[in-house]
Amino acid sequence: MNSDLTVRLDQQNVELHLIGSDFPATAELRTGVGVIQLEFSAKARPLAAGAHKLALESRHLPKVSVYLFNAAKPKSGSVQITSQKRNRNQSTGEIEFAFNALANTPQ
């Protein structure tokens, strides 16, 4: 699985660590409606203020997989999503965002 998923931050590979998973019942998987959810963590270098790009590519079972690529609303005021791009089947995508460390600092 590790070689099936690539994440890059500002064109540099980011190492992923699986921290959680959720698998539906076998019957749901057989009907094609079950959702397998995997949760990863990544340790990236400290971000400089300004524009950044996060890119993801999934190559896991491309003939039978269904992909979904979206950015969630950031919990921190330091991050603002500026753009999302994805290919037709959403196996690859890019999230452009702005980072401002001062935006989350109490005044």
PDB file of N, CA and C in Angstrom:
ATOM      1  N   MET A   1       0.829  -1.200   0.000  1.00  0.00           N
ATOM      2  CA  MET A   1       0.000   0.000   0.000  1.00  0.00           C
ATOM      3  C   MET A   1       0.868   1.256   0.000  1.00  0.00           C
ATOM      4  N   ASN A   2       1.980   1.232   0.706  1.00  0.00           N
ATOM      5  CA  ASN A   2       2.814   2.415   0.821  1.00  0.00           C
ATOM      6  C   ASN A   2       3.284   2.928  -0.535  1.00  0.00           C
ATOM      7  N   SER A   3       3.595   2.013  -1.470  1.00  0.00           N
ATOM      8  CA  SER A   3       4.055   2.446  -2.786  1.00  0.00           C
ATOM      9  C   SER A   3       2.893   2.897  -3.670  1.00  0.00           C
ATOM     10  N   ASP A   4       1.661   2.638  -3.249  1.00  0.00           N
ATOM     11  CA  ASP A   4       0.485   3.033  -4.025  1.00  0.00           C
ATOM     12  C   ASP A   4       0.084   4.483  -3.797  1.00  0.00           C
ATOM     13  N   LEU A   5       0.612   5.113  -2.766  1.00  0.00           N
ATOM     14  CA  LEU A   5       0.189   6.454  -2.386  1.00  0.00           C
ATOM     15  C   LEU A   5       1.407   7.363  -2.269  1.00  0.00           C
ATOM     16  N   THR A   6       1.377   8.477  -2.994  1.00  0.00           N
ATOM     17  CA  THR A   6       2.467   9.447  -2.951  1.00  0.00           C
ATOM     18  C   THR A   6       1.903  10.794  -2.535  1.00  0.00           C
ATOM     19  N   VAL A   7       2.564  11.416  -1.579  1.00  0.00           N
ATOM     20  CA  VAL A   7       2.192  12.762  -1.140  1.00  0.00           C
ATOM     21  C   VAL A   7       3.430  13.638  -1.260  1.00  0.00           C
ATOM     22  N   ARG A   8       3.232  14.832  -1.825  1.00  0.00           N
ATOM     23  CA  ARG A   8       4.326  15.792  -1.953  1.00  0.00           C
ATOM     24  C   ARG A   8       3.867  17.139  -1.408  1.00  0.00           C
ATOM     25  N   LEU A   9       4.754  17.766  -0.676  1.00  0.00           N
ATOM     26  CA  LEU A   9       4.518  19.126  -0.196  1.00  0.00           C
ATOM     27  C   LEU A   9       5.574  19.998  -0.833  1.00  0.00           C
ATOM     28  N   ASP A  10       5.126  20.948  -1.631  1.00  0.00           N
ATOM     29  CA  ASP A  10       6.043  21.836  -2.360  1.00  0.00           C
ATOM     30  C   ASP A  10       7.080  21.024  -3.135  1.00  0.00           C
ATOM     31  N   GLN A  11       6.607  19.995  -3.831  1.00  0.00           N
ATOM     32  CA  GLN A  11       7.375  19.124  -4.722  1.00  0.00           C
ATOM     33  C   GLN A  11       8.389  18.238  -4.005  1.00  0.00           C
ATOM     34  N   GLN A  12       8.274  18.093  -2.680  1.00  0.00           N
ATOM     35  CA  GLN A  12       9.146  17.187  -1.932  1.00  0.00           C
ATOM     36  C   GLN A  12       8.296  16.071  -1.332  1.00  0.00           C
ATOM     37  N   ASN A  13       8.749  14.825  -1.491  1.00  0.00           N
ATOM     38  CA  ASN A  13       8.003  13.689  -0.951  1.00  0.00           C
ATOM     39  C   ASN A  13       7.843  13.809   0.555  1.00  0.00           C
ATOM     40  N   VAL A  14       6.678  13.391   1.042  1.00  0.00           N
ATOM     41  CA  VAL A  14       6.369  13.383   2.463  1.00  0.00           C
ATOM     42  C   VAL A  14       6.149  11.935   2.874  1.00  0.00           C
ATOM     43  N   GLU A  15       6.819  11.494   3.943  1.00  0.00           N
ATOM     44  CA  GLU A  15       6.662  10.129   4.426  1.00  0.00           C
ATOM     45  C   GLU A  15       5.367  10.006   5.223  1.00  0.00           C
ATOM     46  N   LEU A  16       4.572   8.994   4.893  1.00  0.00           N
ATOM     47  CA  LEU A  16       3.294   8.762   5.548  1.00  0.00           C
ATOM     48  C   LEU A  16       3.388   7.615   6.545  1.00  0.00           C
ATOM     49  N   HIS A  17       2.615   7.722   7.622  1.00  0.00           N
ATOM     50  CA  HIS A  17       2.526   6.668   8.632  1.00  0.00           C
ATOM     51  C   HIS A  17       1.051   6.364   8.862  1.00  0.00           C
ATOM     52  N   LEU A  18       0.664   5.101   8.681  1.00  0.00           N
ATOM     53  CA  LEU A  18      -0.720   4.689   8.902  1.00  0.00           C
ATOM     54  C   LEU A  18      -1.023   4.756  10.393  1.00  0.00           C
ATOM     55  N   ILE A  19      -2.062   5.529  10.769  1.00  0.00           N
ATOM     56  CA  ILE A  19      -2.404   5.669  12.186  1.00  0.00           C
ATOM     57  C   ILE A  19      -3.817   5.167  12.497  1.00  0.00           C
ATOM     58  N   GLY A  20      -4.595   4.850  11.472  1.00  0.00           N
ATOM     59  CA  GLY A  20      -5.938   4.358  11.719  1.00  0.00           C
ATOM     60  C   GLY A  20      -6.555   3.790  10.454  1.00  0.00           C
ATOM     61  N   SER A  21      -7.530   2.900  10.647  1.00  0.00           N
ATOM     62  CA  SER A  21      -8.237   2.331   9.505  1.00  0.00           C
ATOM     63  C   SER A  21      -9.634   1.902   9.939  1.00  0.00           C
ATOM     64  N   ASP A  22     -10.534   1.883   8.966  1.00  0.00           N
ATOM     65  CA  ASP A  22     -11.907   1.454   9.208  1.00  0.00           C
ATOM     66  C   ASP A  22     -12.373   0.675   7.987  1.00  0.00           C
ATOM     67  N   PHE A  23     -12.780  -0.558   8.207  1.00  0.00           N
ATOM     68  CA  PHE A  23     -13.221  -1.426   7.122  1.00  0.00           C
ATOM     69  C   PHE A  23     -14.668  -1.828   7.344  1.00  0.00           C
ATOM     70  N   PRO A  24     -15.489  -1.745   6.310  1.00  0.00           N
ATOM     71  CA  PRO A  24     -16.897  -2.159   6.445  1.00  0.00           C
ATOM     72  C   PRO A  24     -17.009  -3.681   6.469  1.00  0.00           C
ATOM     73  N   ALA A  25     -18.221  -4.142   6.717  1.00  0.00           N
ATOM     74  CA  ALA A  25     -18.488  -5.580   6.704  1.00  0.00           C
ATOM     75  C   ALA A  25     -18.198  -6.151   5.314  1.00  0.00           C
ATOM     76  N   THR A  26     -17.796  -7.416   5.287  1.00  0.00           N
ATOM     77  CA  THR A  26     -17.462  -8.077   4.026  1.00  0.00           C
ATOM     78  C   THR A  26     -18.619  -8.004   3.034  1.00  0.00           C
ATOM     79  N   ALA A  27     -19.848  -8.124   3.508  1.00  0.00           N
ATOM     80  CA  ALA A  27     -21.011  -8.068   2.616  1.00  0.00           C
ATOM     81  C   ALA A  27     -21.086  -6.723   1.888  1.00  0.00           C
ATOM     82  N   GLU A  28     -20.774  -5.652   2.587  1.00  0.00           N
ATOM     83  CA  GLU A  28     -20.780  -4.326   1.950  1.00  0.00           C
ATOM     84  C   GLU A  28     -19.694  -4.228   0.887  1.00  0.00           C
ATOM     85  N   LEU A  29     -18.532  -4.766   1.176  1.00  0.00           N
ATOM     86  CA  LEU A  29     -17.448  -4.742   0.192  1.00  0.00           C
ATOM     87  C   LEU A  29     -17.815  -5.530  -1.056  1.00  0.00           C
ATOM     88  N   ARG A  30     -18.474  -6.664  -0.875  1.00  0.00           N
ATOM     89  CA  ARG A  30     -18.859  -7.492  -2.022  1.00  0.00           C
ATOM     90  C   ARG A  30     -19.878  -6.803  -2.921  1.00  0.00           C
ATOM     91  N   THR A  31     -20.725  -5.950  -2.337  1.00  0.00           N
ATOM     92  CA  THR A  31     -21.719  -5.236  -3.151  1.00  0.00           C
ATOM     93  C   THR A  31     -21.137  -3.984  -3.798  1.00  0.00           C
ATOM     94  N   GLY A  32     -19.950  -3.597  -3.367  1.00  0.00           N
ATOM     95  CA  GLY A  32     -19.314  -2.429  -3.961  1.00  0.00           C
ATOM     96  C   GLY A  32     -19.690  -1.115  -3.298  1.00  0.00           C
ATOM     97  N   VAL A  33     -20.418  -1.158  -2.189  1.00  0.00           N
ATOM     98  CA  VAL A  33     -20.822   0.094  -1.533  1.00  0.00           C
ATOM     99  C   VAL A  33     -20.021   0.369  -0.260  1.00  0.00           C
ATOM    100  N   GLY A  34     -19.187  -0.575   0.151  1.00  0.00           N
ATOM    101  CA  GLY A  34     -18.401  -0.381   1.371  1.00  0.00           C
ATOM    102  C   GLY A  34     -17.286   0.617   1.162  1.00  0.00           C
ATOM    103  N   VAL A  35     -17.051   1.425   2.161  1.00  0.00           N
ATOM    104  CA  VAL A  35     -15.993   2.425   2.119  1.00  0.00           C
ATOM    105  C   VAL A  35     -14.869   2.004   3.051  1.00  0.00           C
ATOM    106  N   ILE A  36     -13.670   1.894   2.507  1.00  0.00           N
ATOM    107  CA  ILE A  36     -12.480   1.626   3.309  1.00  0.00           C
ATOM    108  C   ILE A  36     -11.837   2.972   3.592  1.00  0.00           C
ATOM    109  N   GLN A  37     -11.647   3.267   4.851  1.00  0.00           N
ATOM    110  CA  GLN A  37     -11.068   4.552   5.235  1.00  0.00           C
ATOM    111  C   GLN A  37      -9.726   4.318   5.928  1.00  0.00           C
ATOM    112  N   LEU A  38      -8.681   4.961   5.412  1.00  0.00           N
ATOM    113  CA  LEU A  38      -7.353   4.881   5.992  1.00  0.00           C
ATOM    114  C   LEU A  38      -6.940   6.275   6.430  1.00  0.00           C
ATOM    115  N   GLU A  39      -6.333   6.356   7.613  1.00  0.00           N
ATOM    116  CA  GLU A  39      -5.891   7.654   8.130  1.00  0.00           C
ATOM    117  C   GLU A  39      -4.370   7.613   8.305  1.00  0.00           C
ATOM    118  N   PHE A  40      -3.718   8.623   7.740  1.00  0.00           N
ATOM    119  CA  PHE A  40      -2.265   8.703   7.797  1.00  0.00           C
ATOM    120  C   PHE A  40      -1.845   9.969   8.525  1.00  0.00           C
ATOM    121  N   SER A  41      -0.667   9.924   9.096  1.00  0.00           N
ATOM    122  CA  SER A  41      -0.037  11.143   9.604  1.00  0.00           C
ATOM    123  C   SER A  41       1.241  11.358   8.800  1.00  0.00           C
ATOM    124  N   ALA A  42       1.672  12.588   8.767  1.00  0.00           N
ATOM    125  CA  ALA A  42       2.894  12.932   8.044  1.00  0.00           C
ATOM    126  C   ALA A  42       3.620  14.022   8.814  1.00  0.00           C
ATOM    127  N   LYS A  43       4.919  13.901   8.854  1.00  0.00           N
ATOM    128  CA  LYS A  43       5.715  14.938   9.501  1.00  0.00           C
ATOM    129  C   LYS A  43       6.442  15.694   8.405  1.00  0.00           C
ATOM    130  N   ALA A  44       6.058  16.924   8.245  1.00  0.00           N
ATOM    131  CA  ALA A  44       6.679  17.763   7.214  1.00  0.00           C
ATOM    132  C   ALA A  44       7.585  18.789   7.883  1.00  0.00           C
ATOM    133  N   ARG A  45       8.439  19.355   7.100  1.00  0.00           N
ATOM    134  CA  ARG A  45       9.314  20.404   7.613  1.00  0.00           C
ATOM    135  C   ARG A  45       8.471  21.608   8.005  1.00  0.00           C
ATOM    136  N   PRO A  46       8.981  22.485   8.860  1.00  0.00           N
ATOM    137  CA  PRO A  46       8.222  23.691   9.216  1.00  0.00           C
ATOM    138  C   PRO A  46       7.898  24.511   7.958  1.00  0.00           C
ATOM    139  N   LEU A  47       6.688  25.052   7.921  1.00  0.00           N
ATOM    140  CA  LEU A  47       6.263  25.834   6.760  1.00  0.00           C
ATOM    141  C   LEU A  47       6.647  27.295   6.910  1.00  0.00           C
ATOM    142  N   ALA A  48       7.144  27.845   5.832  1.00  0.00           N
ATOM    143  CA  ALA A  48       7.373  29.291   5.775  1.00  0.00           C
ATOM    144  C   ALA A  48       6.041  29.954   5.438  1.00  0.00           C
ATOM    145  N   ALA A  49       5.888  31.185   5.826  1.00  0.00           N
ATOM    146  CA  ALA A  49       4.677  31.929   5.458  1.00  0.00           C
ATOM    147  C   ALA A  49       4.607  32.040   3.937  1.00  0.00           C
ATOM    148  N   GLY A  50       3.381  31.973   3.413  1.00  0.00           N
ATOM    149  CA  GLY A  50       3.198  32.130   1.976  1.00  0.00           C
ATOM    150  C   GLY A  50       2.460  30.974   1.343  1.00  0.00           C
ATOM    151  N   ALA A  51       2.602  30.875   0.026  1.00  0.00           N
ATOM    152  CA  ALA A  51       1.872  29.888  -0.774  1.00  0.00           C
ATOM    153  C   ALA A  51       2.578  28.541  -0.759  1.00  0.00           C
ATOM    154  N   HIS A  52       1.758  27.466  -0.728  1.00  0.00           N
ATOM    155  CA  HIS A  52       2.276  26.099  -0.733  1.00  0.00           C
ATOM    156  C   HIS A  52       1.349  25.225  -1.559  1.00  0.00           C
ATOM    157  N   LYS A  53       1.874  24.039  -1.945  1.00  0.00           N
ATOM    158  CA  LYS A  53       1.076  23.096  -2.729  1.00  0.00           C
ATOM    159  C   LYS A  53       1.260  21.689  -2.164  1.00  0.00           C
ATOM    160  N   LEU A  54       0.128  21.041  -1.874  1.00  0.00           N
ATOM    161  CA  LEU A  54       0.112  19.658  -1.431  1.00  0.00           C
ATOM    162  C   LEU A  54      -0.446  18.813  -2.579  1.00  0.00           C
ATOM    163  N   ALA A  55       0.309  17.808  -3.005  1.00  0.00           N
ATOM    164  CA  ALA A  55      -0.117  16.956  -4.120  1.00  0.00           C
ATOM    165  C   ALA A  55      -0.221  15.516  -3.642  1.00  0.00           C
ATOM    166  N   LEU A  56      -1.251  14.822  -4.113  1.00  0.00           N
ATOM    167  CA  LEU A  56      -1.482  13.431  -3.740  1.00  0.00           C
ATOM    168  C   LEU A  56      -1.752  12.616  -4.988  1.00  0.00           C
ATOM    169  N   GLU A  57      -1.176  11.398  -5.026  1.00  0.00           N
ATOM    170  CA  GLU A  57      -1.451  10.480  -6.126  1.00  0.00           C
ATOM    171  C   GLU A  57      -1.671   9.086  -5.550  1.00  0.00           C
ATOM    172  N   SER A  58      -2.797   8.467  -5.892  1.00  0.00           N
ATOM    173  CA  SER A  58      -3.090   7.102  -5.480  1.00  0.00           C
ATOM    174  C   SER A  58      -3.076   6.201  -6.705  1.00  0.00           C
ATOM    175  N   ARG A  59      -2.299   5.127  -6.621  1.00  0.00           N
ATOM    176  CA  ARG A  59      -2.209   4.144  -7.710  1.00  0.00           C
ATOM    177  C   ARG A  59      -2.758   2.795  -7.252  1.00  0.00           C
ATOM    178  N   HIS A  60      -3.544   2.780  -6.185  1.00  0.00           N
ATOM    179  CA  HIS A  60      -4.047   1.528  -5.624  1.00  0.00           C
ATOM    180  C   HIS A  60      -5.191   0.957  -6.461  1.00  0.00           C
ATOM    181  N   LEU A  61      -4.993  -0.198  -7.011  1.00  0.00           N
ATOM    182  CA  LEU A  61      -6.007  -0.938  -7.791  1.00  0.00           C
ATOM    183  C   LEU A  61      -6.836  -0.021  -8.698  1.00  0.00           C
ATOM    184  N   PRO A  62      -6.213   0.624  -9.658  1.00  0.00           N
ATOM    185  CA  PRO A  62      -6.911   1.630 -10.463  1.00  0.00           C
ATOM    186  C   PRO A  62      -8.106   1.109 -11.269  1.00  0.00           C
ATOM    187  N   LYS A  63      -8.147  -0.168 -11.600  1.00  0.00           N
ATOM    188  CA  LYS A  63      -9.266  -0.697 -12.401  1.00  0.00           C
ATOM    189  C   LYS A  63     -10.527  -0.921 -11.578  1.00  0.00           C
ATOM    190  N   VAL A  64     -10.406  -1.029 -10.254  1.00  0.00           N
ATOM    191  CA  VAL A  64     -11.577  -1.312  -9.433  1.00  0.00           C
ATOM    192  C   VAL A  64     -11.808  -0.291  -8.327  1.00  0.00           C
ATOM    193  N   SER A  65     -10.891   0.651  -8.159  1.00  0.00           N
ATOM    194  CA  SER A  65     -11.020   1.617  -7.064  1.00  0.00           C
ATOM    195  C   SER A  65     -11.834   2.834  -7.456  1.00  0.00           C
ATOM    196  N   VAL A  66     -12.436   3.435  -6.446  1.00  0.00           N
ATOM    197  CA  VAL A  66     -13.125   4.711  -6.592  1.00  0.00           C
ATOM    198  C   VAL A  66     -12.431   5.666  -5.628  1.00  0.00           C
ATOM    199  N   TYR A  67     -12.043   6.821  -6.120  1.00  0.00           N
ATOM    200  CA  TYR A  67     -11.274   7.763  -5.318  1.00  0.00           C
ATOM    201  C   TYR A  67     -12.101   9.013  -5.012  1.00  0.00           C
ATOM    202  N   LEU A  68     -11.757   9.669  -3.930  1.00  0.00           N
ATOM    203  CA  LEU A  68     -12.373  10.946  -3.575  1.00  0.00           C
ATOM    204  C   LEU A  68     -11.277  11.847  -3.037  1.00  0.00           C
ATOM    205  N   PHE A  69     -11.119  13.003  -3.630  1.00  0.00           N
ATOM    206  CA  PHE A  69     -10.049  13.934  -3.247  1.00  0.00           C
ATOM    207  C   PHE A  69     -10.664  15.291  -2.947  1.00  0.00           C
ATOM    208  N   ASN A  70     -10.600  15.710  -1.681  1.00  0.00           N
ATOM    209  CA  ASN A  70     -11.127  17.012  -1.273  1.00  0.00           C
ATOM    210  C   ASN A  70     -10.334  17.538  -0.101  1.00  0.00           C
ATOM    211  N   ALA A  71     -10.242  18.841  -0.006  1.00  0.00           N
ATOM    212  CA  ALA A  71      -9.648  19.484   1.170  1.00  0.00           C
ATOM    213  C   ALA A  71     -10.765  19.814   2.146  1.00  0.00           C
ATOM    214  N   ALA A  72     -10.549  19.482   3.396  1.00  0.00           N
ATOM    215  CA  ALA A  72     -11.504  19.855   4.440  1.00  0.00           C
ATOM    216  C   ALA A  72     -11.185  21.274   4.893  1.00  0.00           C
ATOM    217  N   LYS A  73     -12.178  21.947   5.445  1.00  0.00           N
ATOM    218  CA  LYS A  73     -11.954  23.293   5.955  1.00  0.00           C
ATOM    219  C   LYS A  73     -10.927  23.214   7.087  1.00  0.00           C
ATOM    220  N   PRO A  74      -9.850  23.980   6.991  1.00  0.00           N
ATOM    221  CA  PRO A  74      -8.818  23.938   8.035  1.00  0.00           C
ATOM    222  C   PRO A  74      -9.371  24.366   9.394  1.00  0.00           C
ATOM    223  N   LYS A  75      -8.926  23.685  10.449  1.00  0.00           N
ATOM    224  CA  LYS A  75      -9.313  24.051  11.811  1.00  0.00           C
ATOM    225  C   LYS A  75      -8.571  25.302  12.267  1.00  0.00           C
ATOM    226  N   SER A  76      -7.431  25.550  11.670  1.00  0.00           N
ATOM    227  CA  SER A  76      -6.583  26.674  12.056  1.00  0.00           C
ATOM    228  C   SER A  76      -6.810  27.864  11.137  1.00  0.00           C
ATOM    229  N   GLY A  77      -6.836  29.049  11.707  1.00  0.00           N
ATOM    230  CA  GLY A  77      -6.913  30.267  10.905  1.00  0.00           C
ATOM    231  C   GLY A  77      -5.614  30.571  10.181  1.00  0.00           C
ATOM    232  N   SER A  78      -4.562  29.793  10.467  1.00  0.00           N
ATOM    233  CA  SER A  78      -3.262  29.996   9.828  1.00  0.00           C
ATOM    234  C   SER A  78      -3.217  29.458   8.403  1.00  0.00           C
ATOM    235  N   VAL A  79      -4.200  28.614   8.050  1.00  0.00           N
ATOM    236  CA  VAL A  79      -4.203  27.974   6.734  1.00  0.00           C
ATOM    237  C   VAL A  79      -5.460  28.379   5.982  1.00  0.00           C
ATOM    238  N   GLN A  80      -5.266  28.818   4.737  1.00  0.00           N
ATOM    239  CA  GLN A  80      -6.407  29.145   3.873  1.00  0.00           C
ATOM    240  C   GLN A  80      -6.242  28.407   2.551  1.00  0.00           C
ATOM    241  N   ILE A  81      -7.230  27.584   2.214  1.00  0.00           N
ATOM    242  CA  ILE A  81      -7.218  26.870   0.934  1.00  0.00           C
ATOM    243  C   ILE A  81      -7.476  27.886  -0.168  1.00  0.00           C
ATOM    244  N   THR A  82      -6.607  27.898  -1.173  1.00  0.00           N
ATOM    245  CA  THR A  82      -6.765  28.856  -2.267  1.00  0.00           C
ATOM    246  C   THR A  82      -7.198  28.194  -3.571  1.00  0.00           C
ATOM    247  N   SER A  83      -6.946  26.876  -3.701  1.00  0.00           N
ATOM    248  CA  SER A  83      -7.308  26.198  -4.940  1.00  0.00           C
ATOM    249  C   SER A  83      -7.270  24.689  -4.736  1.00  0.00           C
ATOM    250  N   GLN A  84      -8.163  23.981  -5.438  1.00  0.00           N
ATOM    251  CA  GLN A  84      -8.137  22.517  -5.473  1.00  0.00           C
ATOM    252  C   GLN A  84      -8.242  22.085  -6.927  1.00  0.00           C
ATOM    253  N   LYS A  85      -7.392  21.144  -7.305  1.00  0.00           N
ATOM    254  CA  LYS A  85      -7.433  20.583  -8.652  1.00  0.00           C
ATOM    255  C   LYS A  85      -7.361  19.076  -8.524  1.00  0.00           C
ATOM    256  N   ARG A  86      -8.079  18.364  -9.385  1.00  0.00           N
ATOM    257  CA  ARG A  86      -8.043  16.905  -9.363  1.00  0.00           C
ATOM    258  C   ARG A  86      -8.239  16.394 -10.783  1.00  0.00           C
ATOM    259  N   ASN A  87      -7.764  15.179 -11.035  1.00  0.00           N
ATOM    260  CA  ASN A  87      -8.024  14.595 -12.346  1.00  0.00           C
ATOM    261  C   ASN A  87      -9.438  14.025 -12.376  1.00  0.00           C
ATOM    262  N   ARG A  88      -9.823  13.491 -13.507  1.00  0.00           N
ATOM    263  CA  ARG A  88     -11.212  13.067 -13.697  1.00  0.00           C
ATOM    264  C   ARG A  88     -11.689  12.038 -12.681  1.00  0.00           C
ATOM    265  N   ASN A  89     -10.873  11.026 -12.387  1.00  0.00           N
ATOM    266  CA  ASN A  89     -11.307  10.000 -11.435  1.00  0.00           C
ATOM    267  C   ASN A  89     -10.840  10.287 -10.001  1.00  0.00           C
ATOM    268  N   GLN A  90     -10.219  11.418  -9.785  1.00  0.00           N
ATOM    269  CA  GLN A  90      -9.761  11.910  -8.485  1.00  0.00           C
ATOM    270  C   GLN A  90      -8.664  11.047  -7.869  1.00  0.00           C
ATOM    271  N   SER A  91      -7.923  10.323  -8.685  1.00  0.00           N
ATOM    272  CA  SER A  91      -6.789   9.546  -8.170  1.00  0.00           C
ATOM    273  C   SER A  91      -5.567  10.434  -7.927  1.00  0.00           C
ATOM    274  N   THR A  92      -5.567  11.610  -8.516  1.00  0.00           N
ATOM    275  CA  THR A  92      -4.523  12.593  -8.250  1.00  0.00           C
ATOM    276  C   THR A  92      -5.174  13.950  -8.019  1.00  0.00           C
ATOM    277  N   GLY A  93      -4.518  14.738  -7.210  1.00  0.00           N
ATOM    278  CA  GLY A  93      -5.039  16.074  -6.943  1.00  0.00           C
ATOM    279  C   GLY A  93      -4.001  16.964  -6.297  1.00  0.00           C
ATOM    280  N   GLU A  94      -4.279  18.253  -6.338  1.00  0.00           N
ATOM    281  CA  GLU A  94      -3.413  19.260  -5.726  1.00  0.00           C
ATOM    282  C   GLU A  94      -4.266  20.226  -4.921  1.00  0.00           C
ATOM    283  N   ILE A  95      -3.765  20.571  -3.768  1.00  0.00           N
ATOM    284  CA  ILE A  95      -4.394  21.586  -2.936  1.00  0.00           C
ATOM    285  C   ILE A  95      -3.382  22.706  -2.762  1.00  0.00           C
ATOM    286  N   GLU A  96      -3.736  23.883  -3.229  1.00  0.00           N
ATOM    287  CA  GLU A  96      -2.889  25.048  -3.008  1.00  0.00           C
ATOM    288  C   GLU A  96      -3.438  25.782  -1.797  1.00  0.00           C
ATOM    289  N   PHE A  97      -2.524  26.204  -0.923  1.00  0.00           N
ATOM    290  CA  PHE A  97      -2.951  26.875   0.295  1.00  0.00           C
ATOM    291  C   PHE A  97      -1.942  27.941   0.696  1.00  0.00           C
ATOM    292  N   ALA A  98      -2.424  28.886   1.480  1.00  0.00           N
ATOM    293  CA  ALA A  98      -1.571  29.934   2.025  1.00  0.00           C
ATOM    294  C   ALA A  98      -1.412  29.678   3.518  1.00  0.00           C
ATOM    295  N   PHE A  99      -0.202  29.879   4.005  1.00  0.00           N
ATOM    296  CA  PHE A  99       0.085  29.692   5.425  1.00  0.00           C
ATOM    297  C   PHE A  99       0.559  31.014   6.012  1.00  0.00           C
ATOM    298  N   ASN A 100      -0.058  31.390   7.137  1.00  0.00           N
ATOM    299  CA  ASN A 100       0.324  32.599   7.857  1.00  0.00           C
ATOM    300  C   ASN A 100       0.310  32.271   9.344  1.00  0.00           C
ATOM    301  N   ALA A 101       1.479  32.010   9.911  1.00  0.00           N
ATOM    302  CA  ALA A 101       1.582  31.609  11.313  1.00  0.00           C
ATOM    303  C   ALA A 101       1.001  32.662  12.245  1.00  0.00           C
ATOM    304  N   LEU A 102       1.059  33.915  11.870  1.00  0.00           N
ATOM    305  CA  LEU A 102       0.565  34.991  12.726  1.00  0.00           C
ATOM    306  C   LEU A 102      -0.947  35.034  12.788  1.00  0.00           C
ATOM    307  N   ALA A 103      -1.634  34.436  11.834  1.00  0.00           N
ATOM    308  CA  ALA A 103      -3.108  34.477  11.783  1.00  0.00           C
ATOM    309  C   ALA A 103      -3.729  33.721  12.941  1.00  0.00           C
ATOM    310  N   ASN A 104      -3.001  32.812  13.569  1.00  0.00           N
ATOM    311  CA  ASN A 104      -3.544  32.017  14.654  1.00  0.00           C
ATOM    312  C   ASN A 104      -3.026  32.477  16.027  1.00  0.00           C
ATOM    313  N   THR A 105      -2.270  33.546  16.035  1.00  0.00           N
ATOM    314  CA  THR A 105      -1.687  34.056  17.281  1.00  0.00           C
ATOM    315  C   THR A 105      -2.680  34.961  17.991  1.00  0.00           C
ATOM    316  N   PRO A 106      -2.965  34.712  19.294  1.00  0.00           N
ATOM    317  CA  PRO A 106      -3.904  35.602  20.032  1.00  0.00           C
ATOM    318  C   PRO A 106      -3.336  37.010  20.103  1.00  0.00           C
ATOM    319  N   GLN A 107      -4.212  37.982  19.999  1.00  0.00           N
ATOM    320  CA  GLN A 107      -3.789  39.392  20.004  1.00  0.00           C
ATOM    321  C   GLN A 107      -4.071  40.032  21.328  1.00  0.00           C
TER     322      GLN A 107
END
